[in-house]
Amino acid sequence: MKVTFAKKGTIKPTKPFKTLEEEANFWDTHDAVDVFGKDIKVGIHHAAKMDTLTIRFESDDIQQLRKKASHLGIGPTTLARMWIKEKLNKTTQKQP
């Protein structure tokens, strides 16, 4: 689930907490409306429902995929899905 805000910069960040206990105490005594304001519009984006497909790869290929995905800051399944979608889009565009 991804939370998005209507306008960037409308929320003033709270000061960083030194401990988890300090943060818990803060939220026990404060309301999010008091901190962020009443006029903040928040949208929630739910990921599309997807089916699962199992694909077998050789170990070396999996390691390369994991390394590349890690370098990009995403998961290996996300990267594989991106590459497959990219290839599907290219082949679909070539068809008359």
PDB file of N, CA and C in Angstrom:
ATOM      1  N   MET A   1       0.845  -1.167   0.000  1.00  0.00           N
ATOM      2  CA  MET A   1       0.000   0.000   0.000  1.00  0.00           C
ATOM      3  C   MET A   1       0.893   1.233   0.000  1.00  0.00           C
ATOM      4  N   LYS A   2       0.545   2.184  -0.824  1.00  0.00           N
ATOM      5  CA  LYS A   2       1.328   3.406  -0.952  1.00  0.00           C
ATOM      6  C   LYS A   2       0.453   4.590  -0.563  1.00  0.00           C
ATOM      7  N   VAL A   3       0.943   5.429   0.329  1.00  0.00           N
ATOM      8  CA  VAL A   3       0.193   6.599   0.764  1.00  0.00           C
ATOM      9  C   VAL A   3       0.759   7.819   0.062  1.00  0.00           C
ATOM     10  N   THR A   4      -0.110   8.607  -0.550  1.00  0.00           N
ATOM     11  CA  THR A   4       0.327   9.819  -1.232  1.00  0.00           C
ATOM     12  C   THR A   4      -0.415  11.012  -0.667  1.00  0.00           C
ATOM     13  N   PHE A   5       0.213  12.150  -0.711  1.00  0.00           N
ATOM     14  CA  PHE A   5      -0.372  13.378  -0.195  1.00  0.00           C
ATOM     15  C   PHE A   5      -0.767  14.275  -1.352  1.00  0.00           C
ATOM     16  N   ALA A   6      -1.817  15.058  -1.144  1.00  0.00           N
ATOM     17  CA  ALA A   6      -2.329  15.927  -2.196  1.00  0.00           C
ATOM     18  C   ALA A   6      -1.311  16.975  -2.616  1.00  0.00           C
ATOM     19  N   LYS A   7      -0.652  17.610  -1.670  1.00  0.00           N
ATOM     20  CA  LYS A   7       0.331  18.644  -1.990  1.00  0.00           C
ATOM     21  C   LYS A   7       1.622  18.358  -1.239  1.00  0.00           C
ATOM     22  N   LYS A   8       2.712  18.383  -1.952  1.00  0.00           N
ATOM     23  CA  LYS A   8       4.000  18.216  -1.284  1.00  0.00           C
ATOM     24  C   LYS A   8       4.319  19.470  -0.501  1.00  0.00           C
ATOM     25  N   GLY A   9       4.941  19.293   0.636  1.00  0.00           N
ATOM     26  CA  GLY A   9       5.343  20.432   1.439  1.00  0.00           C
ATOM     27  C   GLY A   9       4.262  20.938   2.371  1.00  0.00           C
ATOM     28  N   THR A  10       3.104  20.285   2.383  1.00  0.00           N
ATOM     29  CA  THR A  10       2.042  20.757   3.271  1.00  0.00           C
ATOM     30  C   THR A  10       2.191  20.206   4.679  1.00  0.00           C
ATOM     31  N   ILE A  11       3.048  19.233   4.845  1.00  0.00           N
ATOM     32  CA  ILE A  11       3.254  18.636   6.163  1.00  0.00           C
ATOM     33  C   ILE A  11       4.626  19.020   6.678  1.00  0.00           C
ATOM     34  N   LYS A  12       4.658  19.535   7.875  1.00  0.00           N
ATOM     35  CA  LYS A  12       5.930  19.839   8.506  1.00  0.00           C
ATOM     36  C   LYS A  12       6.382  18.596   9.252  1.00  0.00           C
ATOM     37  N   PRO A  13       7.568  18.095   8.951  1.00  0.00           N
ATOM     38  CA  PRO A  13       8.006  16.869   9.614  1.00  0.00           C
ATOM     39  C   PRO A  13       8.209  17.091  11.107  1.00  0.00           C
ATOM     40  N   THR A  14       7.919  16.048  11.874  1.00  0.00           N
ATOM     41  CA  THR A  14       8.184  16.119  13.308  1.00  0.00           C
ATOM     42  C   THR A  14       9.679  15.943  13.505  1.00  0.00           C
ATOM     43  N   LYS A  15      10.178  16.430  14.623  1.00  0.00           N
ATOM     44  CA  LYS A  15      11.612  16.279  14.869  1.00  0.00           C
ATOM     45  C   LYS A  15      11.926  14.798  15.066  1.00  0.00           C
ATOM     46  N   PRO A  16      13.105  14.373  14.674  1.00  0.00           N
ATOM     47  CA  PRO A  16      13.457  12.957  14.806  1.00  0.00           C
ATOM     48  C   PRO A  16      13.452  12.526  16.273  1.00  0.00           C
ATOM     49  N   PHE A  17      13.007  11.325  16.502  1.00  0.00           N
ATOM     50  CA  PHE A  17      12.982  10.777  17.852  1.00  0.00           C
ATOM     51  C   PHE A  17      14.285  10.042  18.119  1.00  0.00           C
ATOM     52  N   LYS A  18      14.738  10.129  19.354  1.00  0.00           N
ATOM     53  CA  LYS A  18      15.995   9.467  19.716  1.00  0.00           C
ATOM     54  C   LYS A  18      15.787   7.985  19.985  1.00  0.00           C
ATOM     55  N   THR A  19      14.597   7.636  20.486  1.00  0.00           N
ATOM     56  CA  THR A  19      14.312   6.236  20.789  1.00  0.00           C
ATOM     57  C   THR A  19      12.897   5.898  20.351  1.00  0.00           C
ATOM     58  N   LEU A  20      12.635   4.618  20.228  1.00  0.00           N
ATOM     59  CA  LEU A  20      11.299   4.151  19.894  1.00  0.00           C
ATOM     60  C   LEU A  20      10.327   4.499  21.020  1.00  0.00           C
ATOM     61  N   GLU A  21      10.805   4.411  22.256  1.00  0.00           N
ATOM     62  CA  GLU A  21       9.970   4.750  23.413  1.00  0.00           C
ATOM     63  C   GLU A  21       9.559   6.227  23.374  1.00  0.00           C
ATOM     64  N   GLU A  22      10.497   7.097  23.012  1.00  0.00           N
ATOM     65  CA  GLU A  22      10.197   8.528  22.909  1.00  0.00           C
ATOM     66  C   GLU A  22       9.123   8.772  21.844  1.00  0.00           C
ATOM     67  N   GLU A  23       9.233   8.080  20.718  1.00  0.00           N
ATOM     68  CA  GLU A  23       8.234   8.230  19.662  1.00  0.00           C
ATOM     69  C   GLU A  23       6.876   7.703  20.118  1.00  0.00           C
ATOM     70  N   ALA A  24       6.875   6.551  20.799  1.00  0.00           N
ATOM     71  CA  ALA A  24       5.617   5.983  21.303  1.00  0.00           C
ATOM     72  C   ALA A  24       4.946   6.931  22.284  1.00  0.00           C
ATOM     73  N   ASN A  25       5.727   7.521  23.181  1.00  0.00           N
ATOM     74  CA  ASN A  25       5.171   8.477  24.145  1.00  0.00           C
ATOM     75  C   ASN A  25       4.594   9.697  23.432  1.00  0.00           C
ATOM     76  N   PHE A  26       5.273  10.167  22.399  1.00  0.00           N
ATOM     77  CA  PHE A  26       4.791  11.317  21.642  1.00  0.00           C
ATOM     78  C   PHE A  26       3.418  11.019  21.040  1.00  0.00           C
ATOM     79  N   TRP A  27       3.295   9.872  20.359  1.00  0.00           N
ATOM     80  CA  TRP A  27       2.032   9.553  19.692  1.00  0.00           C
ATOM     81  C   TRP A  27       0.939   9.168  20.680  1.00  0.00           C
ATOM     82  N   ASP A  28       1.322   8.749  21.896  1.00  0.00           N
ATOM     83  CA  ASP A  28       0.321   8.495  22.939  1.00  0.00           C
ATOM     84  C   ASP A  28      -0.306   9.792  23.427  1.00  0.00           C
ATOM     85  N   THR A  29       0.416  10.889  23.312  1.00  0.00           N
ATOM     86  CA  THR A  29      -0.069  12.167  23.841  1.00  0.00           C
ATOM     87  C   THR A  29      -0.431  13.175  22.754  1.00  0.00           C
ATOM     88  N   HIS A  30      -0.279  12.823  21.493  1.00  0.00           N
ATOM     89  CA  HIS A  30      -0.598  13.730  20.392  1.00  0.00           C
ATOM     90  C   HIS A  30      -1.513  13.035  19.392  1.00  0.00           C
ATOM     91  N   ASP A  31      -2.278  13.811  18.691  1.00  0.00           N
ATOM     92  CA  ASP A  31      -3.157  13.303  17.648  1.00  0.00           C
ATOM     93  C   ASP A  31      -2.555  13.692  16.300  1.00  0.00           C
ATOM     94  N   ALA A  32      -2.649  12.803  15.333  1.00  0.00           N
ATOM     95  CA  ALA A  32      -2.088  13.088  14.011  1.00  0.00           C
ATOM     96  C   ALA A  32      -2.704  14.342  13.401  1.00  0.00           C
ATOM     97  N   VAL A  33      -3.970  14.593  13.684  1.00  0.00           N
ATOM     98  CA  VAL A  33      -4.628  15.796  13.161  1.00  0.00           C
ATOM     99  C   VAL A  33      -3.973  17.044  13.733  1.00  0.00           C
ATOM    100  N   ASP A  34      -3.585  16.992  15.020  1.00  0.00           N
ATOM    101  CA  ASP A  34      -2.910  18.136  15.634  1.00  0.00           C
ATOM    102  C   ASP A  34      -1.548  18.382  14.997  1.00  0.00           C
ATOM    103  N   VAL A  35      -0.868  17.308  14.654  1.00  0.00           N
ATOM    104  CA  VAL A  35       0.484  17.421  14.108  1.00  0.00           C
ATOM    105  C   VAL A  35       0.452  17.799  12.631  1.00  0.00           C
ATOM    106  N   PHE A  36      -0.394  17.134  11.858  1.00  0.00           N
ATOM    107  CA  PHE A  36      -0.384  17.310  10.412  1.00  0.00           C
ATOM    108  C   PHE A  36      -1.452  18.273   9.899  1.00  0.00           C
ATOM    109  N   GLY A  37      -2.449  18.566  10.683  1.00  0.00           N
ATOM    110  CA  GLY A  37      -3.508  19.475  10.249  1.00  0.00           C
ATOM    111  C   GLY A  37      -4.729  18.736   9.751  1.00  0.00           C
ATOM    112  N   LYS A  38      -5.843  19.452   9.708  1.00  0.00           N
ATOM    113  CA  LYS A  38      -7.111  18.834   9.317  1.00  0.00           C
ATOM    114  C   LYS A  38      -7.322  18.822   7.814  1.00  0.00           C
ATOM    115  N   ASP A  39      -6.668  19.696   7.089  1.00  0.00           N
ATOM    116  CA  ASP A  39      -6.943  19.846   5.668  1.00  0.00           C
ATOM    117  C   ASP A  39      -6.049  19.003   4.766  1.00  0.00           C
ATOM    118  N   ILE A  40      -5.308  18.099   5.331  1.00  0.00           N
ATOM    119  CA  ILE A  40      -4.429  17.251   4.529  1.00  0.00           C
ATOM    120  C   ILE A  40      -5.266  16.157   3.873  1.00  0.00           C
ATOM    121  N   LYS A  41      -5.162  16.073   2.559  1.00  0.00           N
ATOM    122  CA  LYS A  41      -5.857  15.021   1.831  1.00  0.00           C
ATOM    123  C   LYS A  41      -4.872  13.889   1.581  1.00  0.00           C
ATOM    124  N   VAL A  42      -5.277  12.705   1.920  1.00  0.00           N
ATOM    125  CA  VAL A  42      -4.407  11.550   1.756  1.00  0.00           C
ATOM    126  C   VAL A  42      -5.092  10.561   0.840  1.00  0.00           C
ATOM    127  N   GLY A  43      -4.346  10.075  -0.129  1.00  0.00           N
ATOM    128  CA  GLY A  43      -4.874   9.049  -1.020  1.00  0.00           C
ATOM    129  C   GLY A  43      -4.135   7.749  -0.777  1.00  0.00           C
ATOM    130  N   ILE A  44      -4.837   6.660  -0.846  1.00  0.00           N
ATOM    131  CA  ILE A  44      -4.211   5.356  -0.654  1.00  0.00           C
ATOM    132  C   ILE A  44      -4.287   4.602  -1.972  1.00  0.00           C
ATOM    133  N   HIS A  45      -3.137   4.134  -2.422  1.00  0.00           N
ATOM    134  CA  HIS A  45      -3.051   3.388  -3.674  1.00  0.00           C
ATOM    135  C   HIS A  45      -2.855   1.917  -3.333  1.00  0.00           C
ATOM    136  N   HIS A  46      -3.779   1.080  -3.770  1.00  0.00           N
ATOM    137  CA  HIS A  46      -3.645  -0.357  -3.564  1.00  0.00           C
ATOM    138  C   HIS A  46      -3.035  -0.970  -4.818  1.00  0.00           C
ATOM    139  N   ALA A  47      -2.069  -1.838  -4.632  1.00  0.00           N
ATOM    140  CA  ALA A  47      -1.434  -2.493  -5.769  1.00  0.00           C
ATOM    141  C   ALA A  47      -2.458  -3.369  -6.492  1.00  0.00           C
ATOM    142  N   ALA A  48      -2.280  -3.484  -7.786  1.00  0.00           N
ATOM    143  CA  ALA A  48      -3.185  -4.304  -8.588  1.00  0.00           C
ATOM    144  C   ALA A  48      -3.074  -5.767  -8.169  1.00  0.00           C
ATOM    145  N   LYS A  49      -4.185  -6.454  -8.227  1.00  0.00           N
ATOM    146  CA  LYS A  49      -4.194  -7.878  -7.907  1.00  0.00           C
ATOM    147  C   LYS A  49      -3.436  -8.606  -9.012  1.00  0.00           C
ATOM    148  N   MET A  50      -2.520  -9.469  -8.631  1.00  0.00           N
ATOM    149  CA  MET A  50      -1.700 -10.163  -9.618  1.00  0.00           C
ATOM    150  C   MET A  50      -1.768 -11.664  -9.414  1.00  0.00           C
ATOM    151  N   ASP A  51      -1.581 -12.383 -10.496  1.00  0.00           N
ATOM    152  CA  ASP A  51      -1.471 -13.834 -10.434  1.00  0.00           C
ATOM    153  C   ASP A  51      -0.002 -14.193 -10.269  1.00  0.00           C
ATOM    154  N   THR A  52       0.248 -15.437  -9.918  1.00  0.00           N
ATOM    155  CA  THR A  52       1.615 -15.898  -9.692  1.00  0.00           C
ATOM    156  C   THR A  52       2.017 -16.888 -10.780  1.00  0.00           C
ATOM    157  N   LEU A  53       3.256 -16.758 -11.239  1.00  0.00           N
ATOM    158  CA  LEU A  53       3.830 -17.673 -12.218  1.00  0.00           C
ATOM    159  C   LEU A  53       5.194 -18.100 -11.695  1.00  0.00           C
ATOM    160  N   THR A  54       5.421 -19.391 -11.628  1.00  0.00           N
ATOM    161  CA  THR A  54       6.710 -19.892 -11.166  1.00  0.00           C
ATOM    162  C   THR A  54       7.608 -20.147 -12.371  1.00  0.00           C
ATOM    163  N   ILE A  55       8.812 -19.590 -12.326  1.00  0.00           N
ATOM    164  CA  ILE A  55       9.785 -19.766 -13.407  1.00  0.00           C
ATOM    165  C   ILE A  55      11.068 -20.312 -12.800  1.00  0.00           C
ATOM    166  N   ARG A  56      11.635 -21.313 -13.430  1.00  0.00           N
ATOM    167  CA  ARG A  56      12.880 -21.909 -12.931  1.00  0.00           C
ATOM    168  C   ARG A  56      14.074 -21.263 -13.645  1.00  0.00           C
ATOM    169  N   PHE A  57      15.072 -20.870 -12.834  1.00  0.00           N
ATOM    170  CA  PHE A  57      16.299 -20.279 -13.354  1.00  0.00           C
ATOM    171  C   PHE A  57      17.491 -21.061 -12.827  1.00  0.00           C
ATOM    172  N   GLU A  58      18.597 -20.992 -13.549  1.00  0.00           N
ATOM    173  CA  GLU A  58      19.845 -21.555 -13.038  1.00  0.00           C
ATOM    174  C   GLU A  58      20.346 -20.657 -11.914  1.00  0.00           C
ATOM    175  N   SER A  59      21.090 -21.228 -10.985  1.00  0.00           N
ATOM    176  CA  SER A  59      21.567 -20.483  -9.810  1.00  0.00           C
ATOM    177  C   SER A  59      22.352 -19.238 -10.188  1.00  0.00           C
ATOM    178  N   ASP A  60      23.212 -19.349 -11.193  1.00  0.00           N
ATOM    179  CA  ASP A  60      24.012 -18.189 -11.609  1.00  0.00           C
ATOM    180  C   ASP A  60      23.121 -17.047 -12.098  1.00  0.00           C
ATOM    181  N   ASP A  61      22.072 -17.393 -12.830  1.00  0.00           N
ATOM    182  CA  ASP A  61      21.152 -16.367 -13.325  1.00  0.00           C
ATOM    183  C   ASP A  61      20.410 -15.694 -12.171  1.00  0.00           C
ATOM    184  N   ILE A  62      20.009 -16.477 -11.186  1.00  0.00           N
ATOM    185  CA  ILE A  62      19.323 -15.917 -10.008  1.00  0.00           C
ATOM    186  C   ILE A  62      20.249 -14.962  -9.268  1.00  0.00           C
ATOM    187  N   GLN A  63      21.510 -15.355  -9.113  1.00  0.00           N
ATOM    188  CA  GLN A  63      22.468 -14.494  -8.405  1.00  0.00           C
ATOM    189  C   GLN A  63      22.678 -13.182  -9.153  1.00  0.00           C
ATOM    190  N   GLN A  64      22.780 -13.254 -10.483  1.00  0.00           N
ATOM    191  CA  GLN A  64      22.930 -12.032 -11.280  1.00  0.00           C
ATOM    192  C   GLN A  64      21.698 -11.143 -11.151  1.00  0.00           C
ATOM    193  N   LEU A  65      20.526 -11.761 -11.175  1.00  0.00           N
ATOM    194  CA  LEU A  65      19.278 -11.014 -11.038  1.00  0.00           C
ATOM    195  C   LEU A  65      19.214 -10.327  -9.676  1.00  0.00           C
ATOM    196  N   ARG A  66      19.553 -11.055  -8.619  1.00  0.00           N
ATOM    197  CA  ARG A  66      19.540 -10.475  -7.270  1.00  0.00           C
ATOM    198  C   ARG A  66      20.537  -9.330  -7.142  1.00  0.00           C
ATOM    199  N   LYS A  67      21.720  -9.512  -7.722  1.00  0.00           N
ATOM    200  CA  LYS A  67      22.750  -8.473  -7.643  1.00  0.00           C
ATOM    201  C   LYS A  67      22.295  -7.208  -8.369  1.00  0.00           C
ATOM    202  N   LYS A  68      21.754  -7.368  -9.569  1.00  0.00           N
ATOM    203  CA  LYS A  68      21.286  -6.218 -10.350  1.00  0.00           C
ATOM    204  C   LYS A  68      20.121  -5.528  -9.643  1.00  0.00           C
ATOM    205  N   ALA A  69      19.195  -6.305  -9.110  1.00  0.00           N
ATOM    206  CA  ALA A  69      18.040  -5.742  -8.408  1.00  0.00           C
ATOM    207  C   ALA A  69      18.490  -4.983  -7.163  1.00  0.00           C
ATOM    208  N   SER A  70      19.426  -5.548  -6.434  1.00  0.00           N
ATOM    209  CA  SER A  70      19.944  -4.890  -5.231  1.00  0.00           C
ATOM    210  C   SER A  70      20.599  -3.564  -5.590  1.00  0.00           C
ATOM    211  N   HIS A  71      21.344  -3.556  -6.675  1.00  0.00           N
ATOM    212  CA  HIS A  71      21.999  -2.328  -7.144  1.00  0.00           C
ATOM    213  C   HIS A  71      20.964  -1.247  -7.471  1.00  0.00           C
ATOM    214  N   LEU A  72      19.812  -1.671  -7.990  1.00  0.00           N
ATOM    215  CA  LEU A  72      18.746  -0.734  -8.348  1.00  0.00           C
ATOM    216  C   LEU A  72      17.842  -0.394  -7.166  1.00  0.00           C
ATOM    217  N   GLY A  73      18.020  -1.122  -6.053  1.00  0.00           N
ATOM    218  CA  GLY A  73      17.209  -0.856  -4.863  1.00  0.00           C
ATOM    219  C   GLY A  73      15.808  -1.439  -4.931  1.00  0.00           C
ATOM    220  N   ILE A  74      15.647  -2.501  -5.708  1.00  0.00           N
ATOM    221  CA  ILE A  74      14.345  -3.166  -5.814  1.00  0.00           C
ATOM    222  C   ILE A  74      14.532  -4.657  -5.605  1.00  0.00           C
ATOM    223  N   GLY A  75      13.444  -5.381  -5.462  1.00  0.00           N
ATOM    224  CA  GLY A  75      13.512  -6.824  -5.288  1.00  0.00           C
ATOM    225  C   GLY A  75      13.724  -7.536  -6.611  1.00  0.00           C
ATOM    226  N   PRO A  76      14.272  -8.754  -6.564  1.00  0.00           N
ATOM    227  CA  PRO A  76      14.524  -9.488  -7.803  1.00  0.00           C
ATOM    228  C   PRO A  76      13.252  -9.838  -8.567  1.00  0.00           C
ATOM    229  N   THR A  77      12.160 -10.118  -7.869  1.00  0.00           N
ATOM    230  CA  THR A  77      10.919 -10.424  -8.586  1.00  0.00           C
ATOM    231  C   THR A  77      10.369  -9.184  -9.282  1.00  0.00           C
ATOM    232  N   THR A  78      10.544  -8.033  -8.662  1.00  0.00           N
ATOM    233  CA  THR A  78      10.105  -6.783  -9.289  1.00  0.00           C
ATOM    234  C   THR A  78      10.903  -6.525 -10.556  1.00  0.00           C
ATOM    235  N   LEU A  79      12.214  -6.713 -10.481  1.00  0.00           N
ATOM    236  CA  LEU A  79      13.063  -6.503 -11.652  1.00  0.00           C
ATOM    237  C   LEU A  79      12.704  -7.480 -12.768  1.00  0.00           C
ATOM    238  N   ALA A  80      12.517  -8.749 -12.420  1.00  0.00           N
ATOM    239  CA  ALA A  80      12.153  -9.745 -13.432  1.00  0.00           C
ATOM    240  C   ALA A  80      10.820  -9.383 -14.079  1.00  0.00           C
ATOM    241  N   ARG A  81       9.855  -8.953 -13.276  1.00  0.00           N
ATOM    242  CA  ARG A  81       8.545  -8.556 -13.809  1.00  0.00           C
ATOM    243  C   ARG A  81       8.687  -7.347 -14.739  1.00  0.00           C
ATOM    244  N   MET A  82       9.532  -6.384 -14.351  1.00  0.00           N
ATOM    245  CA  MET A  82       9.758  -5.200 -15.190  1.00  0.00           C
ATOM    246  C   MET A  82      10.346  -5.601 -16.537  1.00  0.00           C
ATOM    247  N   TRP A  83      11.334  -6.481 -16.507  1.00  0.00           N
ATOM    248  CA  TRP A  83      11.975  -6.907 -17.746  1.00  0.00           C
ATOM    249  C   TRP A  83      11.001  -7.672 -18.647  1.00  0.00           C
ATOM    250  N   ILE A  84      10.203  -8.534 -18.045  1.00  0.00           N
ATOM    251  CA  ILE A  84       9.238  -9.303 -18.834  1.00  0.00           C
ATOM    252  C   ILE A  84       8.202  -8.369 -19.455  1.00  0.00           C
ATOM    253  N   LYS A  85       7.701  -7.425 -18.666  1.00  0.00           N
ATOM    254  CA  LYS A  85       6.719  -6.471 -19.198  1.00  0.00           C
ATOM    255  C   LYS A  85       7.326  -5.632 -20.323  1.00  0.00           C
ATOM    256  N   GLU A  86       8.580  -5.237 -20.155  1.00  0.00           N
ATOM    257  CA  GLU A  86       9.270  -4.451 -21.181  1.00  0.00           C
ATOM    258  C   GLU A  86       9.350  -5.242 -22.490  1.00  0.00           C
ATOM    259  N   LYS A  87       9.723  -6.499 -22.382  1.00  0.00           N
ATOM    260  CA  LYS A  87       9.833  -7.355 -23.570  1.00  0.00           C
ATOM    261  C   LYS A  87       8.461  -7.583 -24.198  1.00  0.00           C
ATOM    262  N   LEU A  88       7.443  -7.810 -23.372  1.00  0.00           N
ATOM    263  CA  LEU A  88       6.092  -7.995 -23.900  1.00  0.00           C
ATOM    264  C   LEU A  88       5.613  -6.748 -24.637  1.00  0.00           C
ATOM    265  N   ASN A  89       5.891  -5.582 -24.079  1.00  0.00           N
ATOM    266  CA  ASN A  89       5.492  -4.326 -24.728  1.00  0.00           C
ATOM    267  C   ASN A  89       6.194  -4.142 -26.067  1.00  0.00           C
ATOM    268  N   LYS A  90       7.485  -4.487 -26.133  1.00  0.00           N
ATOM    269  CA  LYS A  90       8.235  -4.347 -27.387  1.00  0.00           C
ATOM    270  C   LYS A  90       7.701  -5.290 -28.454  1.00  0.00           C
ATOM    271  N   THR A  91       7.413  -6.531 -28.067  1.00  0.00           N
ATOM    272  CA  THR A  91       6.934  -7.491 -29.061  1.00  0.00           C
ATOM    273  C   THR A  91       5.511  -7.171 -29.493  1.00  0.00           C
ATOM    274  N   THR A  92       4.714  -6.601 -28.612  1.00  0.00           N
ATOM    275  CA  THR A  92       3.347  -6.210 -28.959  1.00  0.00           C
ATOM    276  C   THR A  92       3.357  -5.047 -29.940  1.00  0.00           C
ATOM    277  N   GLN A  93       4.286  -4.111 -29.778  1.00  0.00           N
ATOM    278  CA  GLN A  93       4.380  -2.946 -30.659  1.00  0.00           C
ATOM    279  C   GLN A  93       4.801  -3.339 -32.070  1.00  0.00           C
ATOM    280  N   LYS A  94       5.587  -4.401 -32.216  1.00  0.00           N
ATOM    281  CA  LYS A  94       6.065  -4.825 -33.532  1.00  0.00           C
ATOM    282  C   LYS A  94       4.990  -5.542 -34.337  1.00  0.00           C
ATOM    283  N   GLN A  95       3.985  -6.089 -33.666  1.00  0.00           N
ATOM    284  CA  GLN A  95       2.935  -6.814 -34.376  1.00  0.00           C
ATOM    285  C   GLN A  95       2.041  -5.835 -35.128  1.00  0.00           C
ATOM    286  N   PRO A  96       1.624  -6.215 -36.370  1.00  0.00           N
ATOM    287  CA  PRO A  96       0.778  -5.322 -37.179  1.00  0.00           C
ATOM    288  C   PRO A  96      -0.622  -5.201 -36.612  1.00  0.00           C
TER     289      PRO A  96
END
